[in-house]
Amino acid sequence: MAPTPPPRPSGEADSAPARSASPPHPRTRRPTHGARRGRLRPRTRRGSWGIGVVALIVVVAVGIGVANLGSAPAAGGPAPAQTIATPTVTAPPPDAVVSPSPGASDPQRPSDPTDPAAQALDALAGLDAVSGRAPYDYVRDLFGQRWADVDRNGCDTRNDILGRDLRNPVFKPGTRECKVLAGDLVDPYDGTAVSFVSGRNTSVLVQIDHVVALAWAWEHGAYAWTDEQRTAFANDPQNLVAASQDTNQSKSASGPAQWLPPEPVLRCSYVEQWVGVLDAYDLGIDDPDRAAAEAVLRTC
């Protein structure tokens, strides 16, 4: 009778376990550390998923590269149309101070606020609108003595302006450079040269013009002034220029709607000065003269 084998300890496996009829499920198969060299380990589901992700990334990258190659324009061919993204505009907070962008300005106004034409336009906009018809007739004598010495310098206004505006003025000796005997004038309205020589028949060739004529000022508010105000206005150097007899008489008592300097390049300075006098004396302006002055200033 064959001897009975001793019982095996619990948990110990046979050195040569019997082969089952079918291989175990891959999920339960473990890699064998003692497997022979060259034997492949079984793949698990986790390894297959990782390889699939890598393959997907490669396919996407290749697809993007092909798309970029396809969008590149051929040599000498037109570039493909591109879609331009619309920028998102963020509104500033309610209390924010928004500065205008460079170059942005009112198309009807000069952009430089320090420009004389811009200042004249601002002054012109602030002038009162009047009809230009005074309730009383204009009388020259109501503007005081002609060429009075209002500044008390011992020299009348006419000689003050001649000495200021003439080039190379020659003064009568002993008059403390008051009485002008000769000089050269470049007319401020047409640019012509005029020689001045004091004398009965020659002095008239150079005259002193009121930029804002006395009669025009009367019709636009000066009729309501005092005699002292009118005398000061008639002798104010800011409202006076030496001019040739021709331009002074052609201008007469006109405003810009009826008369402008014959030389176009001299019109800006004339209208700027003309508006400045109105602003300084709070004179009103009628619609035609306002429109004419504005039209000139917008070209300066």
C-alpha atoms as a PDB file:
ATOM      1  CA  MET A   1       0.000   0.000   0.000  1.00  0.00           C
ATOM      2  CA  ALA A   2       1.448   3.303  -1.014  1.00  0.00           C
ATOM      3  CA  PRO A   3       2.276   5.738   1.740  1.00  0.00           C
ATOM      4  CA  THR A   4       0.015   8.739   2.163  1.00  0.00           C
ATOM      5  CA  PRO A   5       1.816  12.059   1.357  1.00  0.00           C
ATOM      6  CA  PRO A   6       2.071  14.534   4.197  1.00  0.00           C
ATOM      7  CA  PRO A   7      -0.336  17.455   4.151  1.00  0.00           C
ATOM      8  CA  ARG A   8       0.957  20.781   2.534  1.00  0.00           C
ATOM      9  CA  PRO A   9       1.174  23.967   4.505  1.00  0.00           C
ATOM     10  CA  SER A  10      -1.704  26.409   3.986  1.00  0.00           C
ATOM     11  CA  GLY A  11      -1.113  28.924   1.161  1.00  0.00           C
ATOM     12  CA  GLU A  12       1.775  27.047  -0.508  1.00  0.00           C
ATOM     13  CA  ALA A  13       1.349  26.333  -4.241  1.00  0.00           C
ATOM     14  CA  ASP A  14       2.450  23.242  -6.112  1.00  0.00           C
ATOM     15  CA  SER A  15       5.773  23.577  -7.809  1.00  0.00           C
ATOM     16  CA  ALA A  16       4.163  22.346 -10.989  1.00  0.00           C
ATOM     17  CA  PRO A  17       0.548  23.329 -10.944  1.00  0.00           C
ATOM     18  CA  ALA A  18      -1.749  21.669 -13.326  1.00  0.00           C
ATOM     19  CA  ARG A  19      -2.596  23.631 -16.521  1.00  0.00           C
ATOM     20  CA  SER A  20      -6.167  24.676 -16.844  1.00  0.00           C
ATOM     21  CA  ALA A  21      -8.075  23.935 -19.950  1.00  0.00           C
ATOM     22  CA  SER A  22      -8.179  27.635 -20.944  1.00  0.00           C
ATOM     23  CA  PRO A  23      -5.819  30.562 -20.201  1.00  0.00           C
ATOM     24  CA  PRO A  24      -6.828  32.870 -17.380  1.00  0.00           C
ATOM     25  CA  HIS A  25      -8.551  36.230 -18.231  1.00  0.00           C
ATOM     26  CA  PRO A  26      -5.989  38.990 -19.078  1.00  0.00           C
ATOM     27  CA  ARG A  27      -7.243  41.116 -16.166  1.00  0.00           C
ATOM     28  CA  THR A  28      -6.097  38.408 -13.698  1.00  0.00           C
ATOM     29  CA  ARG A  29      -2.813  37.529 -15.472  1.00  0.00           C
ATOM     30  CA  ARG A  30       0.288  38.888 -13.765  1.00  0.00           C
ATOM     31  CA  PRO A  31       3.685  39.270 -15.344  1.00  0.00           C
ATOM     32  CA  THR A  32       6.045  36.478 -14.419  1.00  0.00           C
ATOM     33  CA  HIS A  33       9.371  37.734 -13.056  1.00  0.00           C
ATOM     34  CA  GLY A  34      11.052  34.495 -14.007  1.00  0.00           C
ATOM     35  CA  ALA A  35       9.880  34.519 -17.603  1.00  0.00           C
ATOM     36  CA  ARG A  36      12.380  33.639 -20.222  1.00  0.00           C
ATOM     37  CA  ARG A  37      14.168  36.425 -22.162  1.00  0.00           C
ATOM     38  CA  GLY A  38      12.222  37.505 -25.185  1.00  0.00           C
ATOM     39  CA  ARG A  39       8.848  36.596 -23.844  1.00  0.00           C
ATOM     40  CA  LEU A  40       6.357  39.523 -24.160  1.00  0.00           C
ATOM     41  CA  ARG A  41       4.307  40.653 -21.257  1.00  0.00           C
ATOM     42  CA  PRO A  42       0.584  40.766 -21.786  1.00  0.00           C
ATOM     43  CA  ARG A  43      -0.960  44.231 -22.460  1.00  0.00           C
ATOM     44  CA  THR A  44      -3.466  45.644 -20.045  1.00  0.00           C
ATOM     45  CA  ARG A  45      -6.367  48.028 -20.786  1.00  0.00           C
ATOM     46  CA  ARG A  46      -4.484  50.953 -19.208  1.00  0.00           C
ATOM     47  CA  GLY A  47      -1.555  50.589 -21.604  1.00  0.00           C
ATOM     48  CA  SER A  48      -3.890  50.445 -24.633  1.00  0.00           C
ATOM     49  CA  TRP A  49      -5.688  53.653 -23.563  1.00  0.00           C
ATOM     50  CA  GLY A  50      -2.393  55.555 -23.174  1.00  0.00           C
ATOM     51  CA  ILE A  51      -1.203  54.541 -26.619  1.00  0.00           C
ATOM     52  CA  GLY A  52      -4.555  55.569 -28.076  1.00  0.00           C
ATOM     53  CA  VAL A  53      -4.262  59.070 -26.554  1.00  0.00           C
ATOM     54  CA  VAL A  54      -0.748  59.489 -27.938  1.00  0.00           C
ATOM     55  CA  ALA A  55      -1.959  58.392 -31.356  1.00  0.00           C
ATOM     56  CA  LEU A  56      -4.831  60.876 -31.204  1.00  0.00           C
ATOM     57  CA  ILE A  57      -2.468  63.767 -30.324  1.00  0.00           C
ATOM     58  CA  VAL A  58      -0.203  62.852 -33.222  1.00  0.00           C
ATOM     59  CA  VAL A  59      -3.153  62.779 -35.632  1.00  0.00           C
ATOM     60  CA  VAL A  60      -4.388  66.202 -34.426  1.00  0.00           C
ATOM     61  CA  ALA A  61      -0.898  67.729 -34.695  1.00  0.00           C
ATOM     62  CA  VAL A  62      -0.449  66.378 -38.199  1.00  0.00           C
ATOM     63  CA  GLY A  63      -3.880  67.694 -39.151  1.00  0.00           C
ATOM     64  CA  ILE A  64      -3.042  71.201 -37.895  1.00  0.00           C
ATOM     65  CA  GLY A  65       0.236  71.169 -39.783  1.00  0.00           C
ATOM     66  CA  VAL A  66      -1.490  70.129 -42.983  1.00  0.00           C
ATOM     67  CA  ALA A  67      -4.121  72.826 -42.494  1.00  0.00           C
ATOM     68  CA  ASN A  68      -1.424  75.487 -42.036  1.00  0.00           C
ATOM     69  CA  LEU A  69       0.355  74.290 -45.136  1.00  0.00           C
ATOM     70  CA  GLY A  70      -2.880  74.425 -47.061  1.00  0.00           C
ATOM     71  CA  SER A  71      -3.596  78.028 -45.887  1.00  0.00           C
ATOM     72  CA  ALA A  72      -0.199  79.371 -46.973  1.00  0.00           C
ATOM     73  CA  PRO A  73      -0.490  81.340 -50.239  1.00  0.00           C
ATOM     74  CA  ALA A  74       1.292  79.995 -53.238  1.00  0.00           C
ATOM     75  CA  ALA A  75       4.201  81.970 -54.617  1.00  0.00           C
ATOM     76  CA  GLY A  76       2.842  84.830 -56.653  1.00  0.00           C
ATOM     77  CA  GLY A  77      -0.737  83.934 -55.807  1.00  0.00           C
ATOM     78  CA  PRO A  78      -3.268  85.994 -53.855  1.00  0.00           C
ATOM     79  CA  ALA A  79      -3.297  85.686 -50.108  1.00  0.00           C
ATOM     80  CA  PRO A  80      -6.301  83.850 -48.706  1.00  0.00           C
ATOM     81  CA  ALA A  81      -9.009  85.895 -47.097  1.00  0.00           C
ATOM     82  CA  GLN A  82      -8.621  86.269 -43.364  1.00  0.00           C
ATOM     83  CA  THR A  83     -11.232  86.842 -40.766  1.00  0.00           C
ATOM     84  CA  ILE A  84     -10.438  89.902 -38.648  1.00  0.00           C
ATOM     85  CA  ALA A  85     -11.626  89.685 -35.122  1.00  0.00           C
ATOM     86  CA  THR A  86     -13.668  92.635 -33.896  1.00  0.00           C
ATOM     87  CA  PRO A  87     -11.999  94.219 -30.848  1.00  0.00           C
ATOM     88  CA  THR A  88     -13.993  94.457 -27.691  1.00  0.00           C
ATOM     89  CA  VAL A  89     -14.493  98.053 -26.511  1.00  0.00           C
ATOM     90  CA  THR A  90     -14.668  98.507 -22.784  1.00  0.00           C
ATOM     91  CA  ALA A  91     -16.550 101.582 -21.630  1.00  0.00           C
ATOM     92  CA  PRO A  92     -14.702 103.778 -19.094  1.00  0.00           C
ATOM     93  CA  PRO A  93     -16.104 104.125 -15.598  1.00  0.00           C
ATOM     94  CA  PRO A  94     -18.667 106.950 -15.185  1.00  0.00           C
ATOM     95  CA  ASP A  95     -16.218 109.217 -13.322  1.00  0.00           C
ATOM     96  CA  ALA A  96     -13.303 108.690 -15.665  1.00  0.00           C
ATOM     97  CA  VAL A  97     -11.893 111.640 -17.621  1.00  0.00           C
ATOM     98  CA  VAL A  98     -11.670 110.623 -21.259  1.00  0.00           C
ATOM     99  CA  SER A  99      -9.044 112.472 -23.295  1.00  0.00           C
ATOM    100  CA  PRO A 100      -9.596 112.883 -27.023  1.00  0.00           C
ATOM    101  CA  SER A 101      -7.368 110.814 -29.251  1.00  0.00           C
ATOM    102  CA  PRO A 102      -4.479 112.626 -30.966  1.00  0.00           C
ATOM    103  CA  GLY A 103      -5.660 114.456 -34.036  1.00  0.00           C
ATOM    104  CA  ALA A 104      -9.314 114.228 -33.038  1.00  0.00           C
ATOM    105  CA  SER A 105     -10.918 117.652 -33.230  1.00  0.00           C
ATOM    106  CA  ASP A 106     -13.952 119.514 -34.392  1.00  0.00           C
ATOM    107  CA  PRO A 107     -13.571 119.626 -38.202  1.00  0.00           C
ATOM    108  CA  GLN A 108     -15.012 123.137 -38.148  1.00  0.00           C
ATOM    109  CA  ARG A 109     -12.450 124.510 -35.694  1.00  0.00           C
ATOM    110  CA  PRO A 110      -8.676 124.904 -35.815  1.00  0.00           C
ATOM    111  CA  SER A 111      -6.962 122.296 -33.696  1.00  0.00           C
ATOM    112  CA  ASP A 112      -4.392 124.583 -32.044  1.00  0.00           C
ATOM    113  CA  PRO A 113      -5.971 126.708 -29.299  1.00  0.00           C
ATOM    114  CA  THR A 114      -2.919 129.029 -29.225  1.00  0.00           C
ATOM    115  CA  ASP A 115      -3.338 129.979 -32.877  1.00  0.00           C
ATOM    116  CA  PRO A 116      -4.468 133.623 -33.423  1.00  0.00           C
ATOM    117  CA  ALA A 117      -7.179 132.489 -35.819  1.00  0.00           C
ATOM    118  CA  ALA A 118      -8.565 130.085 -33.206  1.00  0.00           C
ATOM    119  CA  GLN A 119      -8.615 132.845 -30.608  1.00  0.00           C
ATOM    120  CA  ALA A 120     -10.372 135.161 -33.058  1.00  0.00           C
ATOM    121  CA  LEU A 121     -12.950 132.464 -33.820  1.00  0.00           C
ATOM    122  CA  ASP A 122     -13.660 132.053 -30.120  1.00  0.00           C
ATOM    123  CA  ALA A 123     -14.000 135.821 -29.694  1.00  0.00           C
ATOM    124  CA  LEU A 124     -16.224 136.044 -32.769  1.00  0.00           C
ATOM    125  CA  ALA A 125     -18.550 133.376 -31.402  1.00  0.00           C
ATOM    126  CA  GLY A 126     -18.995 135.402 -28.219  1.00  0.00           C
ATOM    127  CA  LEU A 127     -19.963 138.685 -29.893  1.00  0.00           C
ATOM    128  CA  ASP A 128     -23.552 139.866 -29.555  1.00  0.00           C
ATOM    129  CA  ALA A 129     -25.660 139.792 -32.683  1.00  0.00           C
ATOM    130  CA  VAL A 130     -26.973 143.247 -33.655  1.00  0.00           C
ATOM    131  CA  SER A 131     -28.704 144.656 -36.681  1.00  0.00           C
ATOM    132  CA  GLY A 132     -25.994 147.204 -37.513  1.00  0.00           C
ATOM    133  CA  ARG A 133     -28.459 150.098 -37.554  1.00  0.00           C
ATOM    134  CA  ALA A 134     -28.038 152.709 -34.829  1.00  0.00           C
ATOM    135  CA  PRO A 135     -31.020 154.777 -33.642  1.00  0.00           C
ATOM    136  CA  TYR A 136     -29.027 157.971 -34.216  1.00  0.00           C
ATOM    137  CA  ASP A 137     -27.055 159.274 -37.180  1.00  0.00           C
ATOM    138  CA  TYR A 138     -23.283 158.984 -37.119  1.00  0.00           C
ATOM    139  CA  VAL A 139     -21.332 162.223 -36.498  1.00  0.00           C
ATOM    140  CA  ARG A 140     -17.530 162.134 -36.591  1.00  0.00           C
ATOM    141  CA  ASP A 141     -17.172 164.877 -34.016  1.00  0.00           C
ATOM    142  CA  LEU A 142     -18.792 162.637 -31.424  1.00  0.00           C
ATOM    143  CA  PHE A 143     -15.500 160.668 -31.367  1.00  0.00           C
ATOM    144  CA  GLY A 144     -13.568 163.681 -30.098  1.00  0.00           C
ATOM    145  CA  GLN A 145     -10.654 165.679 -31.433  1.00  0.00           C
ATOM    146  CA  ARG A 146      -8.866 164.190 -34.414  1.00  0.00           C
ATOM    147  CA  TRP A 147      -5.544 162.685 -33.372  1.00  0.00           C
ATOM    148  CA  ALA A 148      -5.615 163.825 -29.800  1.00  0.00           C
ATOM    149  CA  ASP A 149      -2.686 163.184 -27.461  1.00  0.00           C
ATOM    150  CA  VAL A 150      -4.618 160.774 -25.263  1.00  0.00           C
ATOM    151  CA  ASP A 151      -1.516 159.117 -23.803  1.00  0.00           C
ATOM    152  CA  ARG A 152      -0.028 162.472 -22.809  1.00  0.00           C
ATOM    153  CA  ASN A 153       3.384 161.729 -24.330  1.00  0.00           C
ATOM    154  CA  GLY A 154       3.589 165.109 -26.040  1.00  0.00           C
ATOM    155  CA  CYS A 155       2.916 163.641 -29.490  1.00  0.00           C
ATOM    156  CA  ASP A 156      -0.400 163.368 -31.322  1.00  0.00           C
ATOM    157  CA  THR A 157      -1.768 159.960 -32.299  1.00  0.00           C
ATOM    158  CA  ARG A 158      -1.042 160.328 -36.024  1.00  0.00           C
ATOM    159  CA  ASN A 159       2.673 160.852 -35.485  1.00  0.00           C
ATOM    160  CA  ASP A 160       2.748 158.077 -32.877  1.00  0.00           C
ATOM    161  CA  ILE A 161       1.428 155.610 -35.480  1.00  0.00           C
ATOM    162  CA  LEU A 162       3.700 156.908 -38.267  1.00  0.00           C
ATOM    163  CA  GLY A 163       6.722 156.516 -36.010  1.00  0.00           C
ATOM    164  CA  ARG A 164       5.612 152.994 -35.132  1.00  0.00           C
ATOM    165  CA  ASP A 165       4.665 151.679 -38.587  1.00  0.00           C
ATOM    166  CA  LEU A 166       7.099 153.373 -40.978  1.00  0.00           C
ATOM    167  CA  ARG A 167      10.447 151.815 -41.746  1.00  0.00           C
ATOM    168  CA  ASN A 168      13.483 154.029 -41.192  1.00  0.00           C
ATOM    169  CA  PRO A 169      11.457 156.968 -39.856  1.00  0.00           C
ATOM    170  CA  VAL A 170      13.099 160.393 -39.862  1.00  0.00           C
ATOM    171  CA  PHE A 171      12.024 162.699 -37.037  1.00  0.00           C
ATOM    172  CA  LYS A 172      12.096 166.482 -36.922  1.00  0.00           C
ATOM    173  CA  PRO A 173      14.894 167.616 -34.619  1.00  0.00           C
ATOM    174  CA  GLY A 174      13.812 169.076 -31.297  1.00  0.00           C
ATOM    175  CA  THR A 175      10.489 167.185 -31.187  1.00  0.00           C
ATOM    176  CA  ARG A 176      11.748 164.309 -29.010  1.00  0.00           C
ATOM    177  CA  GLU A 177      11.166 161.906 -31.896  1.00  0.00           C
ATOM    178  CA  CYS A 178       7.576 162.971 -32.323  1.00  0.00           C
ATOM    179  CA  LYS A 179       7.114 164.752 -35.624  1.00  0.00           C
ATOM    180  CA  VAL A 180       7.800 162.293 -38.501  1.00  0.00           C
ATOM    181  CA  LEU A 181       9.308 163.866 -41.614  1.00  0.00           C
ATOM    182  CA  ALA A 182       9.886 160.812 -43.794  1.00  0.00           C
ATOM    183  CA  GLY A 183       9.856 157.037 -43.899  1.00  0.00           C
ATOM    184  CA  ASP A 184       8.922 153.983 -45.917  1.00  0.00           C
ATOM    185  CA  LEU A 185       5.645 152.122 -45.654  1.00  0.00           C
ATOM    186  CA  VAL A 186       4.687 148.612 -46.686  1.00  0.00           C
ATOM    187  CA  ASP A 187       0.921 148.777 -46.938  1.00  0.00           C
ATOM    188  CA  PRO A 188      -0.684 146.216 -44.527  1.00  0.00           C
ATOM    189  CA  TYR A 189      -3.554 145.567 -46.919  1.00  0.00           C
ATOM    190  CA  ASP A 190      -1.970 145.096 -50.330  1.00  0.00           C
ATOM    191  CA  GLY A 191       1.759 144.882 -49.568  1.00  0.00           C
ATOM    192  CA  THR A 192       2.794 147.761 -51.837  1.00  0.00           C
ATOM    193  CA  ALA A 193       5.645 150.093 -50.883  1.00  0.00           C
ATOM    194  CA  VAL A 194       4.882 153.763 -50.328  1.00  0.00           C
ATOM    195  CA  SER A 195       7.369 156.529 -49.554  1.00  0.00           C
ATOM    196  CA  PHE A 196       6.211 159.017 -46.989  1.00  0.00           C
ATOM    197  CA  VAL A 197       7.355 162.609 -47.065  1.00  0.00           C
ATOM    198  CA  SER A 198       5.747 165.138 -44.780  1.00  0.00           C
ATOM    199  CA  GLY A 199       4.278 168.023 -46.738  1.00  0.00           C
ATOM    200  CA  ARG A 200       1.111 169.698 -47.918  1.00  0.00           C
ATOM    201  CA  ASN A 201       0.744 167.543 -51.014  1.00  0.00           C
ATOM    202  CA  THR A 202       2.647 164.414 -49.934  1.00  0.00           C
ATOM    203  CA  SER A 203       1.522 163.621 -46.415  1.00  0.00           C
ATOM    204  CA  VAL A 204      -1.843 162.469 -47.726  1.00  0.00           C
ATOM    205  CA  LEU A 205      -0.224 159.518 -49.525  1.00  0.00           C
ATOM    206  CA  VAL A 206       0.111 157.746 -46.165  1.00  0.00           C
ATOM    207  CA  GLN A 207      -2.942 157.850 -43.936  1.00  0.00           C
ATOM    208  CA  ILE A 208      -3.928 156.394 -40.568  1.00  0.00           C
ATOM    209  CA  ASP A 209      -6.700 153.840 -40.865  1.00  0.00           C
ATOM    210  CA  HIS A 210      -9.109 152.752 -38.152  1.00  0.00           C
ATOM    211  CA  VAL A 211      -9.194 148.957 -38.503  1.00  0.00           C
ATOM    212  CA  VAL A 212     -12.735 149.025 -37.147  1.00  0.00           C
ATOM    213  CA  ALA A 213     -14.053 152.200 -38.763  1.00  0.00           C
ATOM    214  CA  LEU A 214     -15.629 154.806 -36.514  1.00  0.00           C
ATOM    215  CA  ALA A 215     -18.869 154.845 -38.486  1.00  0.00           C
ATOM    216  CA  TRP A 216     -19.069 151.033 -38.362  1.00  0.00           C
ATOM    217  CA  ALA A 217     -18.470 151.066 -34.596  1.00  0.00           C
ATOM    218  CA  TRP A 218     -21.193 153.673 -34.173  1.00  0.00           C
ATOM    219  CA  GLU A 219     -23.760 151.483 -35.906  1.00  0.00           C
ATOM    220  CA  HIS A 220     -22.806 148.432 -33.822  1.00  0.00           C
ATOM    221  CA  GLY A 221     -22.897 149.882 -30.331  1.00  0.00           C
ATOM    222  CA  ALA A 222     -20.650 152.932 -30.031  1.00  0.00           C
ATOM    223  CA  TYR A 223     -23.657 155.224 -30.276  1.00  0.00           C
ATOM    224  CA  ALA A 224     -24.400 154.289 -26.653  1.00  0.00           C
ATOM    225  CA  TRP A 225     -20.901 155.112 -25.360  1.00  0.00           C
ATOM    226  CA  THR A 226     -19.805 158.219 -23.513  1.00  0.00           C
ATOM    227  CA  ASP A 227     -17.777 160.897 -25.295  1.00  0.00           C
ATOM    228  CA  GLU A 228     -14.677 159.795 -23.386  1.00  0.00           C
ATOM    229  CA  GLN A 229     -15.096 156.183 -24.536  1.00  0.00           C
ATOM    230  CA  ARG A 230     -15.457 157.237 -28.145  1.00  0.00           C
ATOM    231  CA  THR A 231     -12.381 159.487 -27.980  1.00  0.00           C
ATOM    232  CA  ALA A 232     -10.325 156.665 -26.480  1.00  0.00           C
ATOM    233  CA  PHE A 233     -11.548 154.291 -29.202  1.00  0.00           C
ATOM    234  CA  ALA A 234     -10.694 156.741 -32.010  1.00  0.00           C
ATOM    235  CA  ASN A 235      -7.101 157.058 -30.738  1.00  0.00           C
ATOM    236  CA  ASP A 236      -6.429 153.483 -29.604  1.00  0.00           C
ATOM    237  CA  PRO A 237      -3.179 152.226 -31.229  1.00  0.00           C
ATOM    238  CA  GLN A 238      -4.633 148.696 -31.265  1.00  0.00           C
ATOM    239  CA  ASN A 239      -7.245 149.919 -33.733  1.00  0.00           C
ATOM    240  CA  LEU A 240      -4.909 151.988 -35.917  1.00  0.00           C
ATOM    241  CA  VAL A 241      -2.490 151.212 -38.770  1.00  0.00           C
ATOM    242  CA  ALA A 242      -0.636 153.345 -41.276  1.00  0.00           C
ATOM    243  CA  ALA A 243      -1.952 152.550 -44.764  1.00  0.00           C
ATOM    244  CA  SER A 244      -1.739 153.958 -48.248  1.00  0.00           C
ATOM    245  CA  GLN A 245      -4.268 156.500 -49.401  1.00  0.00           C
ATOM    246  CA  ASP A 246      -5.675 154.020 -51.924  1.00  0.00           C
ATOM    247  CA  THR A 247      -6.430 151.157 -49.546  1.00  0.00           C
ATOM    248  CA  ASN A 248      -7.646 153.407 -46.740  1.00  0.00           C
ATOM    249  CA  GLN A 249     -10.185 155.135 -48.939  1.00  0.00           C
ATOM    250  CA  SER A 250     -11.322 151.940 -50.654  1.00  0.00           C
ATOM    251  CA  LYS A 251     -11.961 150.369 -47.271  1.00  0.00           C
ATOM    252  CA  SER A 252     -13.802 153.408 -45.901  1.00  0.00           C
ATOM    253  CA  ALA A 253     -16.285 152.322 -43.187  1.00  0.00           C
ATOM    254  CA  SER A 254     -16.822 148.781 -44.477  1.00  0.00           C
ATOM    255  CA  GLY A 255     -16.890 145.566 -42.509  1.00  0.00           C
ATOM    256  CA  PRO A 256     -15.535 142.224 -43.805  1.00  0.00           C
ATOM    257  CA  ALA A 257     -18.746 141.505 -45.705  1.00  0.00           C
ATOM    258  CA  GLN A 258     -18.100 144.502 -47.976  1.00  0.00           C
ATOM    259  CA  TRP A 259     -14.317 144.812 -47.962  1.00  0.00           C
ATOM    260  CA  LEU A 260     -11.238 142.675 -47.379  1.00  0.00           C
ATOM    261  CA  PRO A 261      -7.561 143.409 -48.076  1.00  0.00           C
ATOM    262  CA  PRO A 262      -6.816 143.067 -51.810  1.00  0.00           C
ATOM    263  CA  GLU A 263      -3.879 140.779 -51.019  1.00  0.00           C
ATOM    264  CA  PRO A 264      -5.354 137.420 -49.855  1.00  0.00           C
ATOM    265  CA  VAL A 265      -2.369 136.483 -47.665  1.00  0.00           C
ATOM    266  CA  LEU A 266      -2.965 139.628 -45.571  1.00  0.00           C
ATOM    267  CA  ARG A 267      -6.608 138.890 -44.828  1.00  0.00           C
ATOM    268  CA  CYS A 268      -6.064 136.632 -41.835  1.00  0.00           C
ATOM    269  CA  SER A 269      -4.071 139.179 -39.852  1.00  0.00           C
ATOM    270  CA  TYR A 270      -6.579 141.899 -40.750  1.00  0.00           C
ATOM    271  CA  VAL A 271      -9.654 139.932 -39.646  1.00  0.00           C
ATOM    272  CA  GLU A 272      -7.897 138.705 -36.489  1.00  0.00           C
ATOM    273  CA  GLN A 273      -7.162 142.313 -35.526  1.00  0.00           C
ATOM    274  CA  TRP A 274     -10.651 143.457 -36.548  1.00  0.00           C
ATOM    275  CA  VAL A 275     -12.371 140.835 -34.362  1.00  0.00           C
ATOM    276  CA  GLY A 276      -9.977 141.577 -31.495  1.00  0.00           C
ATOM    277  CA  VAL A 277     -11.056 145.221 -31.432  1.00  0.00           C
ATOM    278  CA  LEU A 278     -14.736 144.269 -31.377  1.00  0.00           C
ATOM    279  CA  ASP A 279     -14.100 141.877 -28.519  1.00  0.00           C
ATOM    280  CA  ALA A 280     -12.093 144.436 -26.528  1.00  0.00           C
ATOM    281  CA  TYR A 281     -14.826 147.071 -26.804  1.00  0.00           C
ATOM    282  CA  ASP A 282     -17.848 144.743 -26.531  1.00  0.00           C
ATOM    283  CA  LEU A 283     -19.182 145.812 -29.898  1.00  0.00           C
ATOM    284  CA  GLY A 284     -21.909 143.758 -31.568  1.00  0.00           C
ATOM    285  CA  ILE A 285     -21.798 142.309 -35.063  1.00  0.00           C
ATOM    286  CA  ASP A 286     -24.341 141.769 -37.815  1.00  0.00           C
ATOM    287  CA  ASP A 287     -24.849 138.441 -39.549  1.00  0.00           C
ATOM    288  CA  PRO A 288     -23.156 139.257 -42.899  1.00  0.00           C
ATOM    289  CA  ASP A 289     -19.971 140.530 -41.262  1.00  0.00           C
ATOM    290  CA  ARG A 290     -19.886 137.595 -38.848  1.00  0.00           C
ATOM    291  CA  ALA A 291     -20.179 135.122 -41.716  1.00  0.00           C
ATOM    292  CA  ALA A 292     -17.492 136.897 -43.753  1.00  0.00           C
ATOM    293  CA  ALA A 293     -15.072 137.096 -40.814  1.00  0.00           C
ATOM    294  CA  GLU A 294     -15.614 133.440 -39.931  1.00  0.00           C
ATOM    295  CA  ALA A 295     -15.059 132.358 -43.531  1.00  0.00           C
ATOM    296  CA  VAL A 296     -11.660 134.093 -43.578  1.00  0.00           C
ATOM    297  CA  LEU A 297     -10.563 132.790 -40.181  1.00  0.00           C
ATOM    298  CA  ARG A 298     -11.291 129.199 -41.128  1.00  0.00           C
ATOM    299  CA  THR A 299      -8.775 129.460 -43.954  1.00  0.00           C
ATOM    300  CA  CYS A 300      -5.958 130.756 -41.736  1.00  0.00           C
END
